[in-house]
C-alpha atoms as a PDB file:
ATOM      1  CA  MET A   1       0.641  11.644 -21.366  1.00  0.00           C
ATOM      2  CA  THR A   2       3.605  13.903 -20.421  1.00  0.00           C
ATOM      3  CA  MET A   3       2.858  16.893 -17.888  1.00  0.00           C
ATOM      4  CA  ALA A   4       4.480  19.928 -19.317  1.00  0.00           C
ATOM      5  CA  GLY A   5       7.788  21.112 -17.427  1.00  0.00           C
ATOM      6  CA  ASP A   6       8.267  17.337 -16.174  1.00  0.00           C
ATOM      7  CA  HIS A   7      10.352  14.406 -17.001  1.00  0.00           C
ATOM      8  CA  TYR A   8       7.388  11.886 -15.913  1.00  0.00           C
ATOM      9  CA  GLU A   9       5.262   9.981 -18.781  1.00  0.00           C
ATOM     10  CA  LEU A  10       2.260   7.622 -18.020  1.00  0.00           C
ATOM     11  CA  VAL A  11       2.047   4.986 -20.696  1.00  0.00           C
ATOM     12  CA  ALA A  12      -0.996   2.624 -21.066  1.00  0.00           C
ATOM     13  CA  GLY A  13       0.069  -0.889 -20.409  1.00  0.00           C
ATOM     14  CA  VAL A  14       1.907  -3.342 -18.005  1.00  0.00           C
ATOM     15  CA  PRO A  15       5.640  -3.766 -17.120  1.00  0.00           C
ATOM     16  CA  SER A  16       7.353  -6.800 -17.801  1.00  0.00           C
ATOM     17  CA  VAL A  17       7.536  -9.566 -14.933  1.00  0.00           C
ATOM     18  CA  ASP A  18      11.132  -8.213 -13.817  1.00  0.00           C
ATOM     19  CA  VAL A  19       9.768  -4.674 -13.726  1.00  0.00           C
ATOM     20  CA  PHE A  20       6.639  -5.441 -12.150  1.00  0.00           C
ATOM     21  CA  ARG A  21       8.418  -7.240  -9.360  1.00  0.00           C
ATOM     22  CA  ARG A  22      10.979  -4.551  -8.832  1.00  0.00           C
ATOM     23  CA  LEU A  23       8.323  -1.733  -8.960  1.00  0.00           C
ATOM     24  CA  ARG A  24       6.498  -3.428  -5.716  1.00  0.00           C
ATOM     25  CA  THR A  25       9.388  -4.028  -3.960  1.00  0.00           C
ATOM     26  CA  ASP A  26      11.164  -0.753  -4.576  1.00  0.00           C
ATOM     27  CA  ALA A  27       7.723   0.834  -3.272  1.00  0.00           C
ATOM     28  CA  GLY A  28       7.530  -1.323   0.245  1.00  0.00           C
ATOM     29  CA  LEU A  29       5.097  -3.767  -1.488  1.00  0.00           C
ATOM     30  CA  SER A  30       5.096  -7.365  -1.014  1.00  0.00           C
ATOM     31  CA  ASP A  31       7.017  -9.249  -3.807  1.00  0.00           C
ATOM     32  CA  LYS A  32       5.251 -11.850  -6.182  1.00  0.00           C
ATOM     33  CA  ASP A  33       6.210 -15.150  -7.456  1.00  0.00           C
ATOM     34  CA  PRO A  34       7.617 -14.792 -11.299  1.00  0.00           C
ATOM     35  CA  GLU A  35       5.201 -17.589 -12.217  1.00  0.00           C
ATOM     36  CA  ALA A  36       2.339 -16.234 -10.582  1.00  0.00           C
ATOM     37  CA  VAL A  37       3.021 -12.463 -12.555  1.00  0.00           C
ATOM     38  CA  ALA A  38       3.441 -13.820 -15.902  1.00  0.00           C
ATOM     39  CA  LEU A  39      -0.046 -15.561 -15.577  1.00  0.00           C
ATOM     40  CA  ALA A  40      -1.459 -12.092 -13.891  1.00  0.00           C
ATOM     41  CA  LEU A  41       0.002  -9.316 -16.294  1.00  0.00           C
ATOM     42  CA  PRO A  42      -2.014 -10.555 -19.450  1.00  0.00           C
ATOM     43  CA  ASN A  43      -5.293 -10.727 -17.851  1.00  0.00           C
ATOM     44  CA  THR A  44      -5.155  -6.836 -16.663  1.00  0.00           C
ATOM     45  CA  TRP A  45      -8.231  -5.187 -17.749  1.00  0.00           C
ATOM     46  CA  TYR A  46      -6.117  -1.885 -17.990  1.00  0.00           C
ATOM     47  CA  GLY A  47      -2.803  -0.797 -16.589  1.00  0.00           C
ATOM     48  CA  VAL A  48      -0.590   2.196 -16.713  1.00  0.00           C
ATOM     49  CA  VAL A  49       3.288   2.340 -16.393  1.00  0.00           C
ATOM     50  CA  LEU A  50       4.876   5.700 -15.175  1.00  0.00           C
ATOM     51  CA  ARG A  51       8.089   6.540 -16.538  1.00  0.00           C
ATOM     52  CA  TYR A  52      10.687   9.064 -15.435  1.00  0.00           C
ATOM     53  CA  ALA A  53      13.378   9.884 -18.367  1.00  0.00           C
ATOM     54  CA  GLY A  54      12.158   6.636 -19.441  1.00  0.00           C
ATOM     55  CA  ASP A  55      12.624   4.564 -16.773  1.00  0.00           C
ATOM     56  CA  PRO A  56       9.712   2.749 -15.162  1.00  0.00           C
ATOM     57  CA  ILE A  57       9.222   4.271 -11.778  1.00  0.00           C
ATOM     58  CA  GLY A  58       5.393   3.427 -10.977  1.00  0.00           C
ATOM     59  CA  MET A  59       2.383   1.434 -12.122  1.00  0.00           C
ATOM     60  CA  GLY A  60      -1.240   0.816 -11.589  1.00  0.00           C
ATOM     61  CA  ARG A  61      -3.600  -2.040 -12.808  1.00  0.00           C
ATOM     62  CA  ILE A  62      -7.166  -2.960 -12.797  1.00  0.00           C
ATOM     63  CA  ILE A  63      -8.001  -6.530 -13.074  1.00  0.00           C
ATOM     64  CA  GLY A  64     -11.403  -7.981 -13.112  1.00  0.00           C
ATOM     65  CA  ASP A  65     -14.508  -9.447 -15.053  1.00  0.00           C
ATOM     66  CA  GLY A  66     -14.920  -6.672 -17.469  1.00  0.00           C
ATOM     67  CA  GLY A  67     -18.349  -6.183 -16.666  1.00  0.00           C
ATOM     68  CA  THR A  68     -19.528  -6.712 -13.105  1.00  0.00           C
ATOM     69  CA  ALA A  69     -16.491  -6.553 -10.788  1.00  0.00           C
ATOM     70  CA  PHE A  70     -13.038  -4.571 -10.829  1.00  0.00           C
ATOM     71  CA  GLN A  71     -10.128  -4.367  -8.653  1.00  0.00           C
ATOM     72  CA  VAL A  72      -7.537  -1.705  -8.461  1.00  0.00           C
ATOM     73  CA  VAL A  73      -4.409  -3.069  -7.670  1.00  0.00           C
ATOM     74  CA  ASP A  74      -0.784  -2.782  -7.694  1.00  0.00           C
ATOM     75  CA  ILE A  75      -0.554   1.019  -6.983  1.00  0.00           C
ATOM     76  CA  CYS A  76       3.160   2.289  -6.451  1.00  0.00           C
ATOM     77  CA  VAL A  77       5.580   4.836  -7.049  1.00  0.00           C
ATOM     78  CA  HIS A  78       9.177   4.545  -6.387  1.00  0.00           C
ATOM     79  CA  PRO A  79       9.949   6.205  -2.919  1.00  0.00           C
ATOM     80  CA  ALA A  80      12.501   8.755  -4.632  1.00  0.00           C
ATOM     81  CA  HIS A  81       9.391  10.251  -6.715  1.00  0.00           C
ATOM     82  CA  GLN A  82       6.926   9.982  -3.900  1.00  0.00           C
ATOM     83  CA  GLY A  83       5.176  13.244  -2.971  1.00  0.00           C
ATOM     84  CA  ARG A  84       4.853  14.720  -6.324  1.00  0.00           C
ATOM     85  CA  GLY A  85       1.199  13.803  -6.896  1.00  0.00           C
ATOM     86  CA  LEU A  86       2.152  10.702  -9.119  1.00  0.00           C
ATOM     87  CA  GLY A  87       0.181   8.568  -7.202  1.00  0.00           C
ATOM     88  CA  ARG A  88      -2.876  10.911  -7.989  1.00  0.00           C
ATOM     89  CA  ARG A  89      -1.840  10.679 -11.759  1.00  0.00           C
ATOM     90  CA  ILE A  90      -1.691   7.054 -11.764  1.00  0.00           C
ATOM     91  CA  MET A  91      -5.315   6.771 -10.086  1.00  0.00           C
ATOM     92  CA  ALA A  92      -6.703   9.643 -12.309  1.00  0.00           C
ATOM     93  CA  ALA A  93      -5.806   7.297 -15.378  1.00  0.00           C
ATOM     94  CA  LEU A  94      -7.175   4.310 -14.322  1.00  0.00           C
ATOM     95  CA  THR A  95     -10.494   5.992 -12.688  1.00  0.00           C
ATOM     96  CA  ALA A  96     -10.422   7.817 -16.300  1.00  0.00           C
ATOM     97  CA  GLU A  97     -10.604   4.290 -17.808  1.00  0.00           C
ATOM     98  CA  LEU A  98     -13.219   2.831 -15.356  1.00  0.00           C
ATOM     99  CA  GLU A  99     -15.743   5.727 -15.970  1.00  0.00           C
ATOM    100  CA  ARG A 100     -15.175   5.436 -19.725  1.00  0.00           C
ATOM    101  CA  ARG A 101     -15.500   1.533 -20.444  1.00  0.00           C
ATOM    102  CA  ALA A 102     -17.230  -0.310 -17.145  1.00  0.00           C
ATOM    103  CA  PRO A 103     -20.382  -0.322 -16.913  1.00  0.00           C
ATOM    104  CA  ALA A 104     -22.822   1.917 -14.593  1.00  0.00           C
ATOM    105  CA  THR A 105     -23.698  -1.158 -12.453  1.00  0.00           C
ATOM    106  CA  ALA A 106     -20.058  -2.591 -11.904  1.00  0.00           C
ATOM    107  CA  TYR A 107     -18.534  -2.718  -8.329  1.00  0.00           C
ATOM    108  CA  VAL A 108     -14.713  -1.239  -8.105  1.00  0.00           C
ATOM    109  CA  SER A 109     -13.198  -2.457  -5.334  1.00  0.00           C
ATOM    110  CA  LEU A 110      -9.480  -1.753  -3.650  1.00  0.00           C
ATOM    111  CA  ILE A 111      -7.518  -2.453  -0.580  1.00  0.00           C
ATOM    112  CA  ALA A 112      -6.154   0.704   0.813  1.00  0.00           C
ATOM    113  CA  ASP A 113      -2.848   0.488   2.727  1.00  0.00           C
ATOM    114  CA  GLY A 114      -2.321   2.981   5.240  1.00  0.00           C
ATOM    115  CA  PRO A 115      -2.706   6.631   4.454  1.00  0.00           C
ATOM    116  CA  ALA A 116      -3.128   5.693   1.013  1.00  0.00           C
ATOM    117  CA  ARG A 117      -6.767   5.890   1.556  1.00  0.00           C
ATOM    118  CA  PHE A 118      -6.907   9.386   1.623  1.00  0.00           C
ATOM    119  CA  LEU A 119      -5.658   9.472  -1.750  1.00  0.00           C
ATOM    120  CA  TYR A 120      -8.202   6.960  -2.760  1.00  0.00           C
ATOM    121  CA  GLU A 121     -11.023   8.682  -1.320  1.00  0.00           C
ATOM    122  CA  LYS A 122     -10.213  11.559  -3.590  1.00  0.00           C
ATOM    123  CA  PHE A 123     -11.571   9.469  -6.310  1.00  0.00           C
ATOM    124  CA  GLY A 124     -14.867   8.315  -4.771  1.00  0.00           C
ATOM    125  CA  PHE A 125     -13.618   5.127  -3.100  1.00  0.00           C
ATOM    126  CA  ALA A 126     -15.004   4.881   0.540  1.00  0.00           C
ATOM    127  CA  ASP A 127     -14.469   2.610   3.655  1.00  0.00           C
ATOM    128  CA  THR A 128     -16.683  -0.533   3.175  1.00  0.00           C
ATOM    129  CA  ALA A 129     -17.275  -0.846   6.877  1.00  0.00           C
ATOM    130  CA  GLY A 130     -19.622   2.381   6.876  1.00  0.00           C
ATOM    131  CA  HIS A 131     -21.866   0.462   4.196  1.00  0.00           C
ATOM    132  CA  GLY A 132     -22.410  -2.855   6.300  1.00  0.00           C
ATOM    133  CA  SER A 133     -19.438  -4.686   4.517  1.00  0.00           C
ATOM    134  CA  ILE A 134     -16.075  -5.608   5.733  1.00  0.00           C
ATOM    135  CA  GLY A 135     -13.093  -6.218   3.457  1.00  0.00           C
ATOM    136  CA  MET A 136     -11.778  -9.791   3.646  1.00  0.00           C
ATOM    137  CA  TYR A 137      -8.975 -11.589   2.110  1.00  0.00           C
ATOM    138  CA  ARG A 138      -7.008 -14.878   1.956  1.00  0.00           C
ATOM    139  CA  VAL A 139      -3.557 -15.785   0.693  1.00  0.00           C
ATOM    140  CA  MET A 140      -3.432 -19.229  -0.630  1.00  0.00           C
ATOM    141  CA  SER A 141       0.079 -20.256   1.173  1.00  0.00           C
ATOM    142  CA  ALA A 142      -1.541 -18.798   4.396  1.00  0.00           C
ATOM    143  CA  VAL A 143      -4.510 -21.546   4.485  1.00  0.00           C
ATOM    144  CA  PRO A 144      -4.062 -25.233   4.639  1.00  0.00           C
ATOM    145  CA  ARG A 145      -5.932 -26.900   2.213  1.00  0.00           C
ATOM    146  CA  ALA A 146      -7.851 -29.184   4.629  1.00  0.00           C
ATOM    147  CA  ALA A 147      -9.118 -26.066   6.274  1.00  0.00           C
ATOM    148  CA  ALA A 148     -10.693 -25.139   2.919  1.00  0.00           C
ATOM    149  CA  ASP A 149     -13.156 -27.997   2.616  1.00  0.00           C
ATOM    150  CA  VAL A 150     -16.152 -26.499   1.934  1.00  0.00           C
ATOM    151  CA  SER A 151     -18.298 -30.114   1.718  1.00  0.00           C
ATOM    152  CA  GLY A 152     -19.758 -29.946   5.484  1.00  0.00           C
ATOM    153  CA  PRO A 153     -22.455 -27.568   6.014  1.00  0.00           C
ATOM    154  CA  ALA A 154     -21.861 -23.671   6.368  1.00  0.00           C
END
């Protein structure tokens, strides 16, 4: 979808592995292992790539099981193009697809970094802490395998 008067086009799909990694690092997000990205991208439930004059400058993806749980991930826009409502355009496309295809009982989550939370709030996302929950995460390389042994009592 191209807006009249601009050179931006939002296209459904996912970028190549190399473009994915470049978009993330250009936007200040962490790089990801190319083998991990190659496994991840085909499992995208829905994704969009934002192009400027044909060149990829942003993206966003939804991952999940297709029924009960979804997560919005990899929202990014190249710094030279930030501040123009492009993140909002990406989020609008992702949430429109969720509203169109996801079951009404699905749980949709995301991790909001810094001031991006204000963008996500405009699309109906709320801080989980106010609802008796806290967000948690685990990076696989950050936890020794022995520490993850769950054979004992909880």
